[in-house]
Amino acid sequence: MKYTNYFKSTIKLNGVPKLNPDQFARLMNICCLETDVHTLEELNMNSQSIFLTIGRKKDKIEKLTKGRTPELLLLEMLKLSM
């Protein structure tokens, strides 16, 4: 949950970032997907469908973040919101 934790700490320190609706939705989607993955992994169930679901959610996170670090991602989102 590296993105979620980074966003949380950044918001605590600097307040809510000024994002346009598209970038805010992107941020929320990343946090939601990371939470889903974390929850499914915590279940420790050996189920093929859960493994596939986790993989799909991780792929979506990768697509939304483009493999960027949380710091670079937030900077990109702020720039796109201007």
PDB file of N, CA and C in Angstrom:
ATOM      1  N   MET A   1       0.829  -1.187   0.000  1.00  0.00           N
ATOM      2  CA  MET A   1       0.000   0.000   0.000  1.00  0.00           C
ATOM      3  C   MET A   1       0.873   1.250   0.000  1.00  0.00           C
ATOM      4  N   LYS A   2       1.904   1.193  -0.834  1.00  0.00           N
ATOM      5  CA  LYS A   2       2.864   2.305  -0.838  1.00  0.00           C
ATOM      6  C   LYS A   2       2.243   3.607  -1.305  1.00  0.00           C
ATOM      7  N   TYR A   3       1.358   3.562  -2.285  1.00  0.00           N
ATOM      8  CA  TYR A   3       0.730   4.793  -2.773  1.00  0.00           C
ATOM      9  C   TYR A   3      -0.244   5.343  -1.745  1.00  0.00           C
ATOM     10  N   THR A   4      -1.072   4.475  -1.194  1.00  0.00           N
ATOM     11  CA  THR A   4      -2.054   4.903  -0.200  1.00  0.00           C
ATOM     12  C   THR A   4      -1.360   5.526   1.013  1.00  0.00           C
ATOM     13  N   ASN A   5      -0.319   4.885   1.501  1.00  0.00           N
ATOM     14  CA  ASN A   5       0.402   5.414   2.660  1.00  0.00           C
ATOM     15  C   ASN A   5       1.090   6.732   2.337  1.00  0.00           C
ATOM     16  N   TYR A   6       1.647   6.850   1.143  1.00  0.00           N
ATOM     17  CA  TYR A   6       2.289   8.113   0.756  1.00  0.00           C
ATOM     18  C   TYR A   6       1.253   9.229   0.653  1.00  0.00           C
ATOM     19  N   PHE A   7       0.138   8.952  -0.020  1.00  0.00           N
ATOM     20  CA  PHE A   7      -0.906   9.969  -0.160  1.00  0.00           C
ATOM     21  C   PHE A   7      -1.423  10.394   1.217  1.00  0.00           C
ATOM     22  N   LYS A   8      -1.609   9.425   2.104  1.00  0.00           N
ATOM     23  CA  LYS A   8      -2.102   9.714   3.447  1.00  0.00           C
ATOM     24  C   LYS A   8      -1.143  10.633   4.201  1.00  0.00           C
ATOM     25  N   SER A   9       0.133  10.310   4.175  1.00  0.00           N
ATOM     26  CA  SER A   9       1.108  11.133   4.906  1.00  0.00           C
ATOM     27  C   SER A   9       1.263  12.510   4.269  1.00  0.00           C
ATOM     28  N   THR A  10       1.201  12.576   2.949  1.00  0.00           N
ATOM     29  CA  THR A  10       1.312  13.862   2.258  1.00  0.00           C
ATOM     30  C   THR A  10       0.124  14.753   2.579  1.00  0.00           C
ATOM     31  N   ILE A  11      -1.057  14.175   2.616  1.00  0.00           N
ATOM     32  CA  ILE A  11      -2.260  14.952   2.931  1.00  0.00           C
ATOM     33  C   ILE A  11      -2.209  15.440   4.381  1.00  0.00           C
ATOM     34  N   LYS A  12      -1.706  14.621   5.280  1.00  0.00           N
ATOM     35  CA  LYS A  12      -1.574  15.046   6.680  1.00  0.00           C
ATOM     36  C   LYS A  12      -0.610  16.223   6.806  1.00  0.00           C
ATOM     37  N   LEU A  13       0.488  16.183   6.046  1.00  0.00           N
ATOM     38  CA  LEU A  13       1.496  17.243   6.137  1.00  0.00           C
ATOM     39  C   LEU A  13       1.112  18.513   5.388  1.00  0.00           C
ATOM     40  N   ASN A  14       0.572  18.341   4.171  1.00  0.00           N
ATOM     41  CA  ASN A  14       0.372  19.491   3.280  1.00  0.00           C
ATOM     42  C   ASN A  14      -1.081  19.836   2.997  1.00  0.00           C
ATOM     43  N   GLY A  15      -2.001  19.048   3.501  1.00  0.00           N
ATOM     44  CA  GLY A  15      -3.406  19.276   3.191  1.00  0.00           C
ATOM     45  C   GLY A  15      -3.784  18.556   1.903  1.00  0.00           C
ATOM     46  N   VAL A  16      -5.031  18.694   1.547  1.00  0.00           N
ATOM     47  CA  VAL A  16      -5.563  18.011   0.365  1.00  0.00           C
ATOM     48  C   VAL A  16      -5.001  18.672  -0.897  1.00  0.00           C
ATOM     49  N   PRO A  17      -4.425  17.873  -1.808  1.00  0.00           N
ATOM     50  CA  PRO A  17      -3.872  18.461  -3.036  1.00  0.00           C
ATOM     51  C   PRO A  17      -4.990  18.969  -3.954  1.00  0.00           C
ATOM     52  N   LYS A  18      -4.674  19.984  -4.720  1.00  0.00           N
ATOM     53  CA  LYS A  18      -5.628  20.573  -5.665  1.00  0.00           C
ATOM     54  C   LYS A  18      -5.601  19.766  -6.960  1.00  0.00           C
ATOM     55  N   LEU A  19      -6.476  18.755  -7.040  1.00  0.00           N
ATOM     56  CA  LEU A  19      -6.545  17.894  -8.209  1.00  0.00           C
ATOM     57  C   LEU A  19      -7.848  18.130  -8.946  1.00  0.00           C
ATOM     58  N   ASN A  20      -7.792  18.018 -10.280  1.00  0.00           N
ATOM     59  CA  ASN A  20      -9.032  18.094 -11.043  1.00  0.00           C
ATOM     60  C   ASN A  20      -9.807  16.788 -10.831  1.00  0.00           C
ATOM     61  N   PRO A  21     -11.063  16.748 -11.240  1.00  0.00           N
ATOM     62  CA  PRO A  21     -11.871  15.540 -10.978  1.00  0.00           C
ATOM     63  C   PRO A  21     -11.270  14.247 -11.536  1.00  0.00           C
ATOM     64  N   ASP A  22     -10.651  14.306 -12.716  1.00  0.00           N
ATOM     65  CA  ASP A  22     -10.057  13.091 -13.292  1.00  0.00           C
ATOM     66  C   ASP A  22      -8.895  12.574 -12.452  1.00  0.00           C
ATOM     67  N   GLN A  23      -8.045  13.481 -12.007  1.00  0.00           N
ATOM     68  CA  GLN A  23      -6.882  13.070 -11.212  1.00  0.00           C
ATOM     69  C   GLN A  23      -7.297  12.649  -9.800  1.00  0.00           C
ATOM     70  N   PHE A  24      -8.328  13.299  -9.259  1.00  0.00           N
ATOM     71  CA  PHE A  24      -8.837  12.873  -7.960  1.00  0.00           C
ATOM     72  C   PHE A  24      -9.411  11.454  -8.048  1.00  0.00           C
ATOM     73  N   ALA A  25     -10.138  11.175  -9.118  1.00  0.00           N
ATOM     74  CA  ALA A  25     -10.682   9.828  -9.325  1.00  0.00           C
ATOM     75  C   ALA A  25      -9.547   8.817  -9.471  1.00  0.00           C
ATOM     76  N   ARG A  26      -8.493   9.202 -10.159  1.00  0.00           N
ATOM     77  CA  ARG A  26      -7.328   8.329 -10.322  1.00  0.00           C
ATOM     78  C   ARG A  26      -6.711   8.007  -8.965  1.00  0.00           C
ATOM     79  N   LEU A  27      -6.519   9.034  -8.131  1.00  0.00           N
ATOM     80  CA  LEU A  27      -5.961   8.842  -6.798  1.00  0.00           C
ATOM     81  C   LEU A  27      -6.843   7.899  -5.977  1.00  0.00           C
ATOM     82  N   MET A  28      -8.146   8.123  -6.015  1.00  0.00           N
ATOM     83  CA  MET A  28      -9.070   7.283  -5.244  1.00  0.00           C
ATOM     84  C   MET A  28      -9.079   5.845  -5.762  1.00  0.00           C
ATOM     85  N   ASN A  29      -9.017   5.671  -7.082  1.00  0.00           N
ATOM     86  CA  ASN A  29      -8.980   4.322  -7.659  1.00  0.00           C
ATOM     87  C   ASN A  29      -7.730   3.564  -7.217  1.00  0.00           C
ATOM     88  N   ILE A  30      -6.599   4.243  -7.210  1.00  0.00           N
ATOM     89  CA  ILE A  30      -5.346   3.618  -6.774  1.00  0.00           C
ATOM     90  C   ILE A  30      -5.468   3.180  -5.312  1.00  0.00           C
ATOM     91  N   CYS A  31      -5.971   4.056  -4.464  1.00  0.00           N
ATOM     92  CA  CYS A  31      -6.118   3.725  -3.042  1.00  0.00           C
ATOM     93  C   CYS A  31      -7.092   2.567  -2.848  1.00  0.00           C
ATOM     94  N   CYS A  32      -8.182   2.576  -3.570  1.00  0.00           N
ATOM     95  CA  CYS A  32      -9.177   1.507  -3.456  1.00  0.00           C
ATOM     96  C   CYS A  32      -8.597   0.176  -3.913  1.00  0.00           C
ATOM     97  N   LEU A  33      -7.919   0.171  -5.044  1.00  0.00           N
ATOM     98  CA  LEU A  33      -7.323  -1.063  -5.556  1.00  0.00           C
ATOM     99  C   LEU A  33      -6.263  -1.607  -4.608  1.00  0.00           C
ATOM    100  N   GLU A  34      -5.433  -0.712  -4.060  1.00  0.00           N
ATOM    101  CA  GLU A  34      -4.414  -1.164  -3.116  1.00  0.00           C
ATOM    102  C   GLU A  34      -5.047  -1.771  -1.866  1.00  0.00           C
ATOM    103  N   THR A  35      -6.125  -1.180  -1.403  1.00  0.00           N
ATOM    104  CA  THR A  35      -6.826  -1.716  -0.235  1.00  0.00           C
ATOM    105  C   THR A  35      -7.422  -3.082  -0.547  1.00  0.00           C
ATOM    106  N   ASP A  36      -8.006  -3.223  -1.733  1.00  0.00           N
ATOM    107  CA  ASP A  36      -8.549  -4.518  -2.147  1.00  0.00           C
ATOM    108  C   ASP A  36      -7.462  -5.593  -2.169  1.00  0.00           C
ATOM    109  N   VAL A  37      -6.329  -5.271  -2.771  1.00  0.00           N
ATOM    110  CA  VAL A  37      -5.213  -6.233  -2.846  1.00  0.00           C
ATOM    111  C   VAL A  37      -4.747  -6.605  -1.443  1.00  0.00           C
ATOM    112  N   HIS A  38      -4.580  -5.605  -0.601  1.00  0.00           N
ATOM    113  CA  HIS A  38      -4.129  -5.857   0.771  1.00  0.00           C
ATOM    114  C   HIS A  38      -5.104  -6.774   1.512  1.00  0.00           C
ATOM    115  N   THR A  39      -6.398  -6.490   1.382  1.00  0.00           N
ATOM    116  CA  THR A  39      -7.418  -7.294   2.052  1.00  0.00           C
ATOM    117  C   THR A  39      -7.406  -8.739   1.549  1.00  0.00           C
ATOM    118  N   LEU A  40      -7.331  -8.904   0.242  1.00  0.00           N
ATOM    119  CA  LEU A  40      -7.318 -10.256  -0.323  1.00  0.00           C
ATOM    120  C   LEU A  40      -6.062 -11.023   0.089  1.00  0.00           C
ATOM    121  N   GLU A  41      -4.937 -10.348   0.129  1.00  0.00           N
ATOM    122  CA  GLU A  41      -3.699 -11.011   0.548  1.00  0.00           C
ATOM    123  C   GLU A  41      -3.739 -11.378   2.030  1.00  0.00           C
ATOM    124  N   GLU A  42      -4.388 -10.574   2.840  1.00  0.00           N
ATOM    125  CA  GLU A  42      -4.502 -10.860   4.267  1.00  0.00           C
ATOM    126  C   GLU A  42      -5.354 -12.096   4.545  1.00  0.00           C
ATOM    127  N   LEU A  43      -6.229 -12.447   3.619  1.00  0.00           N
ATOM    128  CA  LEU A  43      -7.074 -13.625   3.809  1.00  0.00           C
ATOM    129  C   LEU A  43      -6.275 -14.923   3.800  1.00  0.00           C
ATOM    130  N   ASN A  44      -5.112 -14.898   3.151  1.00  0.00           N
ATOM    131  CA  ASN A  44      -4.247 -16.079   3.052  1.00  0.00           C
ATOM    132  C   ASN A  44      -4.984 -17.312   2.541  1.00  0.00           C
ATOM    133  N   MET A  45      -5.809 -17.119   1.554  1.00  0.00           N
ATOM    134  CA  MET A  45      -6.544 -18.241   0.974  1.00  0.00           C
ATOM    135  C   MET A  45      -5.847 -18.695  -0.301  1.00  0.00           C
ATOM    136  N   ASN A  46      -5.716 -19.980  -0.463  1.00  0.00           N
ATOM    137  CA  ASN A  46      -5.100 -20.547  -1.665  1.00  0.00           C
ATOM    138  C   ASN A  46      -6.185 -20.870  -2.675  1.00  0.00           C
ATOM    139  N   SER A  47      -6.652 -19.843  -3.329  1.00  0.00           N
ATOM    140  CA  SER A  47      -7.711 -20.004  -4.318  1.00  0.00           C
ATOM    141  C   SER A  47      -7.246 -19.391  -5.635  1.00  0.00           C
ATOM    142  N   GLN A  48      -7.416 -20.137  -6.703  1.00  0.00           N
ATOM    143  CA  GLN A  48      -7.000 -19.647  -8.018  1.00  0.00           C
ATOM    144  C   GLN A  48      -7.734 -18.359  -8.377  1.00  0.00           C
ATOM    145  N   SER A  49      -9.016 -18.275  -8.051  1.00  0.00           N
ATOM    146  CA  SER A  49      -9.775 -17.070  -8.400  1.00  0.00           C
ATOM    147  C   SER A  49      -9.276 -15.853  -7.623  1.00  0.00           C
ATOM    148  N   ILE A  50      -8.869 -16.055  -6.362  1.00  0.00           N
ATOM    149  CA  ILE A  50      -8.329 -14.927  -5.591  1.00  0.00           C
ATOM    150  C   ILE A  50      -6.990 -14.493  -6.162  1.00  0.00           C
ATOM    151  N   PHE A  51      -6.136 -15.454  -6.532  1.00  0.00           N
ATOM    152  CA  PHE A  51      -4.856 -15.102  -7.148  1.00  0.00           C
ATOM    153  C   PHE A  51      -5.061 -14.318  -8.438  1.00  0.00           C
ATOM    154  N   LEU A  52      -6.024 -14.734  -9.248  1.00  0.00           N
ATOM    155  CA  LEU A  52      -6.314 -14.026 -10.495  1.00  0.00           C
ATOM    156  C   LEU A  52      -6.853 -12.627 -10.224  1.00  0.00           C
ATOM    157  N   THR A  53      -7.721 -12.505  -9.238  1.00  0.00           N
ATOM    158  CA  THR A  53      -8.282 -11.201  -8.882  1.00  0.00           C
ATOM    159  C   THR A  53      -7.184 -10.260  -8.400  1.00  0.00           C
ATOM    160  N   ILE A  54      -6.299 -10.767  -7.562  1.00  0.00           N
ATOM    161  CA  ILE A  54      -5.181  -9.952  -7.074  1.00  0.00           C
ATOM    162  C   ILE A  54      -4.314  -9.507  -8.248  1.00  0.00           C
ATOM    163  N   GLY A  55      -4.032 -10.428  -9.157  1.00  0.00           N
ATOM    164  CA  GLY A  55      -3.216 -10.096 -10.327  1.00  0.00           C
ATOM    165  C   GLY A  55      -3.857  -9.030 -11.194  1.00  0.00           C
ATOM    166  N   ARG A  56      -5.164  -9.133 -11.408  1.00  0.00           N
ATOM    167  CA  ARG A  56      -5.870  -8.124 -12.218  1.00  0.00           C
ATOM    168  C   ARG A  56      -5.841  -6.760 -11.536  1.00  0.00           C
ATOM    169  N   LYS A  57      -6.041  -6.755 -10.238  1.00  0.00           N
ATOM    170  CA  LYS A  57      -6.028  -5.481  -9.509  1.00  0.00           C
ATOM    171  C   LYS A  57      -4.623  -4.855  -9.516  1.00  0.00           C
ATOM    172  N   LYS A  58      -3.593  -5.682  -9.380  1.00  0.00           N
ATOM    173  CA  LYS A  58      -2.219  -5.166  -9.449  1.00  0.00           C
ATOM    174  C   LYS A  58      -1.916  -4.617 -10.839  1.00  0.00           C
ATOM    175  N   ASP A  59      -2.429  -5.268 -11.868  1.00  0.00           N
ATOM    176  CA  ASP A  59      -2.256  -4.767 -13.237  1.00  0.00           C
ATOM    177  C   ASP A  59      -2.927  -3.405 -13.407  1.00  0.00           C
ATOM    178  N   LYS A  60      -4.110  -3.243 -12.810  1.00  0.00           N
ATOM    179  CA  LYS A  60      -4.808  -1.951 -12.891  1.00  0.00           C
ATOM    180  C   LYS A  60      -4.026  -0.865 -12.161  1.00  0.00           C
ATOM    181  N   ILE A  61      -3.456  -1.222 -11.014  1.00  0.00           N
ATOM    182  CA  ILE A  61      -2.630  -0.256 -10.277  1.00  0.00           C
ATOM    183  C   ILE A  61      -1.440   0.159 -11.136  1.00  0.00           C
ATOM    184  N   GLU A  62      -0.796  -0.807 -11.755  1.00  0.00           N
ATOM    185  CA  GLU A  62       0.358  -0.521 -12.619  1.00  0.00           C
ATOM    186  C   GLU A  62      -0.040   0.399 -13.767  1.00  0.00           C
ATOM    187  N   LYS A  63      -1.204   0.144 -14.349  1.00  0.00           N
ATOM    188  CA  LYS A  63      -1.673   0.976 -15.459  1.00  0.00           C
ATOM    189  C   LYS A  63      -1.965   2.403 -14.985  1.00  0.00           C
ATOM    190  N   LEU A  64      -2.578   2.550 -13.826  1.00  0.00           N
ATOM    191  CA  LEU A  64      -2.905   3.875 -13.304  1.00  0.00           C
ATOM    192  C   LEU A  64      -1.669   4.654 -12.867  1.00  0.00           C
ATOM    193  N   THR A  65      -0.673   3.945 -12.336  1.00  0.00           N
ATOM    194  CA  THR A  65       0.523   4.623 -11.823  1.00  0.00           C
ATOM    195  C   THR A  65       1.634   4.726 -12.858  1.00  0.00           C
ATOM    196  N   LYS A  66       1.527   3.943 -13.911  1.00  0.00           N
ATOM    197  CA  LYS A  66       2.547   3.890 -14.961  1.00  0.00           C
ATOM    198  C   LYS A  66       3.922   3.543 -14.387  1.00  0.00           C
ATOM    199  N   GLY A  67       3.920   2.805 -13.279  1.00  0.00           N
ATOM    200  CA  GLY A  67       5.170   2.369 -12.668  1.00  0.00           C
ATOM    201  C   GLY A  67       5.950   3.462 -11.967  1.00  0.00           C
ATOM    202  N   ARG A  68       5.362   4.617 -11.797  1.00  0.00           N
ATOM    203  CA  ARG A  68       6.057   5.733 -11.154  1.00  0.00           C
ATOM    204  C   ARG A  68       6.073   5.553  -9.633  1.00  0.00           C
ATOM    205  N   THR A  69       7.039   6.194  -9.008  1.00  0.00           N
ATOM    206  CA  THR A  69       7.067   6.219  -7.545  1.00  0.00           C
ATOM    207  C   THR A  69       5.895   7.085  -7.070  1.00  0.00           C
ATOM    208  N   PRO A  70       5.467   6.925  -5.830  1.00  0.00           N
ATOM    209  CA  PRO A  70       4.372   7.754  -5.331  1.00  0.00           C
ATOM    210  C   PRO A  70       4.658   9.255  -5.439  1.00  0.00           C
ATOM    211  N   GLU A  71       5.897   9.643  -5.191  1.00  0.00           N
ATOM    212  CA  GLU A  71       6.264  11.060  -5.252  1.00  0.00           C
ATOM    213  C   GLU A  71       6.099  11.609  -6.673  1.00  0.00           C
ATOM    214  N   LEU A  72       6.645  10.884  -7.646  1.00  0.00           N
ATOM    215  CA  LEU A  72       6.542  11.329  -9.040  1.00  0.00           C
ATOM    216  C   LEU A  72       5.103  11.273  -9.539  1.00  0.00           C
ATOM    217  N   LEU A  73       4.370  10.286  -9.097  1.00  0.00           N
ATOM    218  CA  LEU A  73       2.977  10.171  -9.512  1.00  0.00           C
ATOM    219  C   LEU A  73       2.169  11.367  -9.030  1.00  0.00           C
ATOM    220  N   LEU A  74       2.311  11.729  -7.768  1.00  0.00           N
ATOM    221  CA  LEU A  74       1.556  12.876  -7.251  1.00  0.00           C
ATOM    222  C   LEU A  74       1.959  14.159  -7.963  1.00  0.00           C
ATOM    223  N   LEU A  75       3.240  14.332  -8.232  1.00  0.00           N
ATOM    224  CA  LEU A  75       3.684  15.521  -8.983  1.00  0.00           C
ATOM    225  C   LEU A  75       3.064  15.546 -10.372  1.00  0.00           C
ATOM    226  N   GLU A  76       3.009  14.397 -11.029  1.00  0.00           N
ATOM    227  CA  GLU A  76       2.386  14.323 -12.356  1.00  0.00           C
ATOM    228  C   GLU A  76       0.902  14.668 -12.268  1.00  0.00           C
ATOM    229  N   MET A  77       0.234  14.134 -11.273  1.00  0.00           N
ATOM    230  CA  MET A  77      -1.194  14.390 -11.114  1.00  0.00           C
ATOM    231  C   MET A  77      -1.461  15.874 -10.843  1.00  0.00           C
ATOM    232  N   LEU A  78      -0.607  16.498 -10.043  1.00  0.00           N
ATOM    233  CA  LEU A  78      -0.753  17.935  -9.783  1.00  0.00           C
ATOM    234  C   LEU A  78      -0.523  18.743 -11.059  1.00  0.00           C
ATOM    235  N   LYS A  79       0.483  18.349 -11.843  1.00  0.00           N
ATOM    236  CA  LYS A  79       0.778  19.048 -13.091  1.00  0.00           C
ATOM    237  C   LYS A  79      -0.384  18.907 -14.078  1.00  0.00           C
ATOM    238  N   LEU A  80      -0.952  17.714 -14.171  1.00  0.00           N
ATOM    239  CA  LEU A  80      -2.080  17.486 -15.073  1.00  0.00           C
ATOM    240  C   LEU A  80      -3.345  18.214 -14.616  1.00  0.00           C
ATOM    241  N   SER A  81      -3.382  18.603 -13.360  1.00  0.00           N
ATOM    242  CA  SER A  81      -4.561  19.287 -12.820  1.00  0.00           C
ATOM    243  C   SER A  81      -4.508  20.792 -13.032  1.00  0.00           C
ATOM    244  N   MET A  82      -3.397  21.294 -13.500  1.00  0.00           N
ATOM    245  CA  MET A  82      -3.273  22.751 -13.715  1.00  0.00           C
ATOM    246  C   MET A  82      -3.959  23.175 -14.982  1.00  0.00           C
TER     247      MET A  82
END
